[in-house]
Amino acid sequence: METLGLPIFQKSYDLFKTFYSYRDHVAKQDRYTLWQRCENLVLDLIQSIILASQQEGEEKIATLNQASVQLNMLRILLRLAKDLRVIDPKKYVILEGQIDEVGRMLGGWLRATKSLSPSSGSAPH
């Protein structure tokens, strides 16, 4: 599966591993609500990346846009977790850095895909 070689896949995979490793540091009352939702969003993001890697054209753009929404929702929920003191500020900074890195990669992939899309005026790939 060539998806496993994509840098954005690996970064997203690592992001989930970090979330998972912090799970035991989250209070039980938050672990199965807000924290679980964050973990599920990362898994949804990984699924969208795998799906987009196997699509072309407008389908790929739609899936990448969906991944972008998932990432933005993750940012909001993680900030909420920090503000509610569900997560330690140092752990927040680490996660936010990983999310930012995935976001930069996702944005670049989306721009590159749009530039290759026939509807953008460029030649199809």
N, C-alpha and C. Protein backbone atom coordinates (compact mmCIF):
# COMPACT_ATOMS: atom_id res chain seq x y z
N MET A 1 0.85 -1.18 0.00
CA MET A 1 0.00 0.00 0.00
C MET A 1 0.89 1.24 0.00
N GLU A 2 0.88 1.97 -1.10
CA GLU A 2 1.76 3.12 -1.24
C GLU A 2 1.39 4.27 -0.33
N THR A 3 0.16 4.31 0.18
CA THR A 3 -0.28 5.36 1.11
C THR A 3 0.64 5.43 2.32
N LEU A 4 1.10 4.27 2.77
CA LEU A 4 1.94 4.23 3.96
C LEU A 4 3.24 4.99 3.79
N GLY A 5 3.64 5.23 2.54
CA GLY A 5 4.86 5.97 2.27
C GLY A 5 4.67 7.48 2.20
N LEU A 6 3.41 7.93 2.24
CA LEU A 6 3.15 9.37 2.19
C LEU A 6 3.57 10.03 3.50
N PRO A 7 4.36 11.09 3.42
CA PRO A 7 4.77 11.78 4.66
C PRO A 7 3.58 12.26 5.50
N ILE A 8 2.52 12.74 4.86
CA ILE A 8 1.37 13.22 5.62
C ILE A 8 0.67 12.07 6.34
N PHE A 9 0.69 10.89 5.74
CA PHE A 9 0.13 9.73 6.42
C PHE A 9 0.94 9.43 7.67
N GLN A 10 2.26 9.42 7.54
CA GLN A 10 3.11 9.11 8.69
C GLN A 10 2.95 10.15 9.79
N LYS A 11 2.87 11.42 9.44
CA LYS A 11 2.70 12.48 10.45
C LYS A 11 1.36 12.34 11.16
N SER A 12 0.32 11.98 10.42
CA SER A 12 -1.01 11.80 11.02
C SER A 12 -1.01 10.56 11.92
N TYR A 13 -0.34 9.54 11.48
CA TYR A 13 -0.21 8.30 12.25
C TYR A 13 0.50 8.60 13.57
N ASP A 14 1.59 9.37 13.48
CA ASP A 14 2.34 9.76 14.68
C ASP A 14 1.49 10.64 15.59
N LEU A 15 0.66 11.50 15.00
CA LEU A 15 -0.23 12.35 15.78
C LEU A 15 -1.19 11.49 16.61
N PHE A 16 -1.75 10.45 16.00
CA PHE A 16 -2.64 9.58 16.76
C PHE A 16 -1.88 8.89 17.89
N LYS A 17 -0.67 8.43 17.61
CA LYS A 17 0.11 7.76 18.64
C LYS A 17 0.36 8.70 19.82
N THR A 18 0.59 9.97 19.55
CA THR A 18 0.80 10.94 20.62
C THR A 18 -0.49 11.12 21.43
N PHE A 19 -1.61 11.32 20.73
CA PHE A 19 -2.89 11.42 21.43
C PHE A 19 -3.11 10.20 22.32
N TYR A 20 -2.88 9.04 21.76
CA TYR A 20 -3.10 7.79 22.48
C TYR A 20 -2.20 7.70 23.72
N SER A 21 -0.97 8.14 23.58
CA SER A 21 -0.03 8.06 24.71
C SER A 21 -0.42 9.01 25.84
N TYR A 22 -1.16 10.06 25.53
CA TYR A 22 -1.59 11.02 26.56
C TYR A 22 -2.91 10.61 27.21
N ARG A 23 -3.58 9.62 26.67
CA ARG A 23 -4.91 9.23 27.15
C ARG A 23 -4.94 8.98 28.65
N ASP A 24 -3.96 8.27 29.19
CA ASP A 24 -3.97 7.93 30.61
C ASP A 24 -3.76 9.15 31.51
N HIS A 25 -3.32 10.26 30.94
CA HIS A 25 -3.10 11.48 31.70
C HIS A 25 -4.35 12.37 31.72
N VAL A 26 -5.39 11.92 31.05
CA VAL A 26 -6.65 12.66 30.98
C VAL A 26 -7.60 12.05 32.00
N ALA A 27 -8.28 12.90 32.76
CA ALA A 27 -9.23 12.42 33.76
C ALA A 27 -10.30 11.56 33.10
N LYS A 28 -10.75 10.56 33.83
CA LYS A 28 -11.71 9.61 33.28
C LYS A 28 -12.97 10.31 32.76
N GLN A 29 -13.42 11.34 33.45
CA GLN A 29 -14.63 12.05 33.03
C GLN A 29 -14.48 12.71 31.66
N ASP A 30 -13.25 13.04 31.29
CA ASP A 30 -12.99 13.69 30.00
C ASP A 30 -12.48 12.70 28.95
N ARG A 31 -11.92 11.60 29.40
CA ARG A 31 -11.30 10.62 28.51
C ARG A 31 -12.30 10.03 27.52
N TYR A 32 -13.50 9.82 27.96
CA TYR A 32 -14.49 9.16 27.12
C TYR A 32 -15.48 10.14 26.49
N THR A 33 -15.18 11.41 26.58
CA THR A 33 -16.01 12.42 25.92
C THR A 33 -15.14 13.24 24.98
N LEU A 34 -14.64 14.35 25.49
CA LEU A 34 -13.85 15.27 24.67
C LEU A 34 -12.59 14.60 24.09
N TRP A 35 -11.87 13.88 24.92
CA TRP A 35 -10.62 13.27 24.44
C TRP A 35 -10.89 12.20 23.40
N GLN A 36 -11.93 11.40 23.63
CA GLN A 36 -12.28 10.36 22.67
C GLN A 36 -12.67 10.97 21.33
N ARG A 37 -13.37 12.10 21.38
CA ARG A 37 -13.76 12.79 20.14
C ARG A 37 -12.51 13.26 19.39
N CYS A 38 -11.52 13.76 20.10
CA CYS A 38 -10.27 14.17 19.45
C CYS A 38 -9.58 12.98 18.79
N GLU A 39 -9.50 11.88 19.51
CA GLU A 39 -8.88 10.68 18.94
C GLU A 39 -9.63 10.22 17.70
N ASN A 40 -10.96 10.25 17.76
CA ASN A 40 -11.77 9.84 16.61
C ASN A 40 -11.55 10.76 15.41
N LEU A 41 -11.37 12.04 15.66
CA LEU A 41 -11.11 12.98 14.56
C LEU A 41 -9.77 12.66 13.89
N VAL A 42 -8.77 12.30 14.68
CA VAL A 42 -7.48 11.94 14.08
C VAL A 42 -7.63 10.68 13.23
N LEU A 43 -8.39 9.71 13.73
CA LEU A 43 -8.63 8.49 12.94
C LEU A 43 -9.41 8.81 11.66
N ASP A 44 -10.38 9.71 11.75
CA ASP A 44 -11.12 10.15 10.56
C ASP A 44 -10.19 10.84 9.57
N LEU A 45 -9.27 11.64 10.10
CA LEU A 45 -8.29 12.32 9.25
C LEU A 45 -7.41 11.32 8.52
N ILE A 46 -6.94 10.32 9.23
CA ILE A 46 -6.11 9.27 8.60
C ILE A 46 -6.91 8.57 7.51
N GLN A 47 -8.17 8.29 7.78
CA GLN A 47 -9.02 7.65 6.77
C GLN A 47 -9.16 8.54 5.54
N SER A 48 -9.35 9.83 5.74
CA SER A 48 -9.49 10.76 4.61
C SER A 48 -8.20 10.82 3.79
N ILE A 49 -7.06 10.78 4.46
CA ILE A 49 -5.77 10.81 3.76
C ILE A 49 -5.61 9.55 2.91
N ILE A 50 -5.95 8.41 3.47
CA ILE A 50 -5.87 7.16 2.70
C ILE A 50 -6.80 7.22 1.49
N LEU A 51 -8.02 7.69 1.71
CA LEU A 51 -8.99 7.79 0.63
C LEU A 51 -8.50 8.75 -0.45
N ALA A 52 -8.03 9.92 -0.06
CA ALA A 52 -7.56 10.92 -1.03
C ALA A 52 -6.38 10.41 -1.84
N SER A 53 -5.54 9.59 -1.22
CA SER A 53 -4.36 9.08 -1.94
C SER A 53 -4.76 8.14 -3.07
N GLN A 54 -5.99 7.65 -3.04
CA GLN A 54 -6.45 6.71 -4.05
C GLN A 54 -7.46 7.34 -5.01
N GLN A 55 -7.66 8.64 -4.89
CA GLN A 55 -8.61 9.34 -5.75
C GLN A 55 -7.88 10.29 -6.69
N GLU A 56 -8.66 10.84 -7.62
CA GLU A 56 -8.12 11.83 -8.55
C GLU A 56 -9.12 12.96 -8.72
N GLY A 57 -8.63 14.08 -9.22
CA GLY A 57 -9.48 15.19 -9.62
C GLY A 57 -10.36 15.75 -8.52
N GLU A 58 -11.61 16.02 -8.90
CA GLU A 58 -12.55 16.67 -7.99
C GLU A 58 -12.86 15.81 -6.76
N GLU A 59 -12.86 14.50 -6.92
CA GLU A 59 -13.08 13.63 -5.76
C GLU A 59 -11.98 13.82 -4.73
N LYS A 60 -10.75 13.88 -5.20
CA LYS A 60 -9.61 14.07 -4.30
C LYS A 60 -9.70 15.42 -3.61
N ILE A 61 -10.05 16.46 -4.36
CA ILE A 61 -10.17 17.80 -3.78
C ILE A 61 -11.25 17.81 -2.69
N ALA A 62 -12.38 17.18 -2.96
CA ALA A 62 -13.46 17.12 -1.96
C ALA A 62 -13.00 16.39 -0.70
N THR A 63 -12.29 15.31 -0.87
CA THR A 63 -11.81 14.54 0.28
C THR A 63 -10.77 15.32 1.06
N LEU A 64 -9.88 16.01 0.36
CA LEU A 64 -8.87 16.83 1.05
C LEU A 64 -9.53 17.99 1.78
N ASN A 65 -10.57 18.57 1.20
CA ASN A 65 -11.31 19.63 1.90
C ASN A 65 -11.96 19.08 3.16
N GLN A 66 -12.49 17.87 3.07
CA GLN A 66 -13.09 17.22 4.24
C GLN A 66 -12.02 17.00 5.32
N ALA A 67 -10.85 16.57 4.91
CA ALA A 67 -9.75 16.37 5.85
C ALA A 67 -9.37 17.69 6.52
N SER A 68 -9.42 18.76 5.77
CA SER A 68 -9.11 20.08 6.31
C SER A 68 -10.12 20.49 7.39
N VAL A 69 -11.38 20.20 7.14
CA VAL A 69 -12.43 20.49 8.13
C VAL A 69 -12.18 19.65 9.39
N GLN A 70 -11.85 18.38 9.20
CA GLN A 70 -11.58 17.51 10.34
C GLN A 70 -10.40 18.04 11.17
N LEU A 71 -9.37 18.50 10.48
CA LEU A 71 -8.21 19.04 11.18
C LEU A 71 -8.56 20.32 11.93
N ASN A 72 -9.36 21.18 11.33
CA ASN A 72 -9.76 22.41 12.00
C ASN A 72 -10.64 22.12 13.22
N MET A 73 -11.52 21.13 13.11
CA MET A 73 -12.33 20.74 14.25
C MET A 73 -11.45 20.19 15.36
N LEU A 74 -10.44 19.42 14.99
CA LEU A 74 -9.49 18.90 15.98
C LEU A 74 -8.79 20.04 16.71
N ARG A 75 -8.38 21.06 15.97
CA ARG A 75 -7.73 22.22 16.59
C ARG A 75 -8.63 22.86 17.64
N ILE A 76 -9.90 23.03 17.30
CA ILE A 76 -10.86 23.66 18.21
C ILE A 76 -11.06 22.81 19.47
N LEU A 77 -11.26 21.51 19.29
CA LEU A 77 -11.48 20.64 20.44
C LEU A 77 -10.24 20.53 21.32
N LEU A 78 -9.06 20.54 20.70
CA LEU A 78 -7.83 20.49 21.48
C LEU A 78 -7.66 21.78 22.28
N ARG A 79 -7.97 22.91 21.67
CA ARG A 79 -7.90 24.19 22.39
C ARG A 79 -8.89 24.19 23.56
N LEU A 80 -10.08 23.64 23.33
CA LEU A 80 -11.07 23.52 24.39
C LEU A 80 -10.54 22.64 25.52
N ALA A 81 -9.90 21.54 25.16
CA ALA A 81 -9.31 20.65 26.17
C ALA A 81 -8.27 21.39 26.99
N LYS A 82 -7.49 22.23 26.35
CA LYS A 82 -6.48 23.01 27.08
C LYS A 82 -7.16 24.02 27.99
N ASP A 83 -8.15 24.74 27.47
CA ASP A 83 -8.83 25.77 28.25
C ASP A 83 -9.58 25.19 29.45
N LEU A 84 -10.09 23.96 29.31
CA LEU A 84 -10.80 23.30 30.41
C LEU A 84 -9.84 22.53 31.32
N ARG A 85 -8.56 22.63 31.02
CA ARG A 85 -7.50 21.96 31.79
C ARG A 85 -7.63 20.44 31.77
N VAL A 86 -8.12 19.94 30.64
CA VAL A 86 -8.19 18.50 30.44
C VAL A 86 -6.79 17.97 30.13
N ILE A 87 -6.00 18.82 29.49
CA ILE A 87 -4.64 18.44 29.09
C ILE A 87 -3.64 19.47 29.61
N ASP A 88 -2.50 18.99 29.94
CA ASP A 88 -1.40 19.82 30.41
C ASP A 88 -0.95 20.76 29.29
N PRO A 89 -0.63 22.02 29.60
CA PRO A 89 -0.21 22.97 28.55
C PRO A 89 1.00 22.50 27.74
N LYS A 90 1.93 21.79 28.36
CA LYS A 90 3.10 21.30 27.62
C LYS A 90 2.69 20.24 26.59
N LYS A 91 1.76 19.38 26.96
CA LYS A 91 1.27 18.38 26.03
C LYS A 91 0.47 19.04 24.91
N TYR A 92 -0.25 20.09 25.26
CA TYR A 92 -1.01 20.85 24.25
C TYR A 92 -0.06 21.41 23.19
N VAL A 93 1.03 21.99 23.62
CA VAL A 93 2.00 22.58 22.68
C VAL A 93 2.55 21.51 21.74
N ILE A 94 2.85 20.34 22.27
CA ILE A 94 3.36 19.25 21.44
C ILE A 94 2.33 18.84 20.40
N LEU A 95 1.10 18.62 20.85
CA LEU A 95 0.04 18.22 19.93
C LEU A 95 -0.25 19.30 18.90
N GLU A 96 -0.29 20.54 19.33
CA GLU A 96 -0.57 21.64 18.42
C GLU A 96 0.51 21.73 17.34
N GLY A 97 1.76 21.50 17.73
CA GLY A 97 2.85 21.50 16.75
C GLY A 97 2.69 20.40 15.71
N GLN A 98 2.29 19.23 16.16
CA GLN A 98 2.07 18.12 15.23
C GLN A 98 0.88 18.42 14.31
N ILE A 99 -0.17 18.99 14.86
CA ILE A 99 -1.34 19.35 14.06
C ILE A 99 -0.97 20.41 13.02
N ASP A 100 -0.18 21.39 13.43
CA ASP A 100 0.26 22.43 12.49
C ASP A 100 1.06 21.83 11.34
N GLU A 101 1.91 20.87 11.65
CA GLU A 101 2.72 20.23 10.61
C GLU A 101 1.84 19.47 9.61
N VAL A 102 0.87 18.73 10.14
CA VAL A 102 -0.07 18.02 9.26
C VAL A 102 -0.86 19.03 8.44
N GLY A 103 -1.25 20.14 9.05
CA GLY A 103 -1.99 21.18 8.35
C GLY A 103 -1.21 21.79 7.20
N ARG A 104 0.06 22.04 7.41
CA ARG A 104 0.90 22.58 6.33
C ARG A 104 1.00 21.58 5.18
N MET A 105 1.18 20.32 5.51
CA MET A 105 1.28 19.29 4.48
C MET A 105 -0.04 19.14 3.73
N LEU A 106 -1.13 19.17 4.46
CA LEU A 106 -2.45 19.04 3.86
C LEU A 106 -2.74 20.23 2.94
N GLY A 107 -2.41 21.42 3.39
CA GLY A 107 -2.60 22.61 2.57
C GLY A 107 -1.80 22.56 1.28
N GLY A 108 -0.57 22.10 1.37
CA GLY A 108 0.27 21.97 0.18
C GLY A 108 -0.28 20.93 -0.79
N TRP A 109 -0.75 19.82 -0.26
CA TRP A 109 -1.32 18.77 -1.09
C TRP A 109 -2.59 19.27 -1.78
N LEU A 110 -3.39 19.99 -1.05
CA LEU A 110 -4.63 20.53 -1.62
C LEU A 110 -4.33 21.55 -2.72
N ARG A 111 -3.38 22.45 -2.48
CA ARG A 111 -3.01 23.44 -3.51
C ARG A 111 -2.46 22.76 -4.75
N ALA A 112 -1.60 21.77 -4.56
CA ALA A 112 -1.02 21.05 -5.70
C ALA A 112 -2.10 20.31 -6.48
N THR A 113 -3.04 19.71 -5.78
CA THR A 113 -4.12 18.97 -6.44
C THR A 113 -5.02 19.92 -7.21
N LYS A 114 -5.32 21.07 -6.62
CA LYS A 114 -6.16 22.05 -7.31
C LYS A 114 -5.47 22.57 -8.56
N SER A 115 -4.16 22.75 -8.50
CA SER A 115 -3.45 23.27 -9.66
C SER A 115 -3.42 22.26 -10.82
N LEU A 116 -3.58 20.97 -10.49
CA LEU A 116 -3.60 19.93 -11.52
C LEU A 116 -5.00 19.61 -12.00
N SER A 117 -6.00 20.13 -11.31
CA SER A 117 -7.39 19.82 -11.64
C SER A 117 -7.79 20.46 -12.96
N PRO A 118 -8.49 19.70 -13.83
CA PRO A 118 -8.94 20.24 -15.12
C PRO A 118 -9.83 21.46 -14.97
N SER A 119 -10.60 21.55 -13.90
CA SER A 119 -11.50 22.69 -13.72
C SER A 119 -10.74 23.96 -13.34
N SER A 120 -9.45 23.83 -12.96
CA SER A 120 -8.67 25.01 -12.61
C SER A 120 -7.98 25.61 -13.83
N GLY A 121 -8.18 25.00 -14.98
CA GLY A 121 -7.59 25.54 -16.19
C GLY A 121 -6.29 24.89 -16.57
N SER A 122 -5.75 24.04 -15.73
CA SER A 122 -4.51 23.34 -16.03
C SER A 122 -4.82 22.03 -16.74
N ALA A 123 -3.80 21.48 -17.34
CA ALA A 123 -3.96 20.20 -18.01
C ALA A 123 -4.15 19.10 -16.98
N PRO A 124 -4.97 18.11 -17.29
CA PRO A 124 -5.14 17.00 -16.34
C PRO A 124 -3.87 16.18 -16.21
N HIS A 125 -3.73 15.49 -15.08
CA HIS A 125 -2.52 14.68 -14.87
C HIS A 125 -2.71 13.26 -15.24
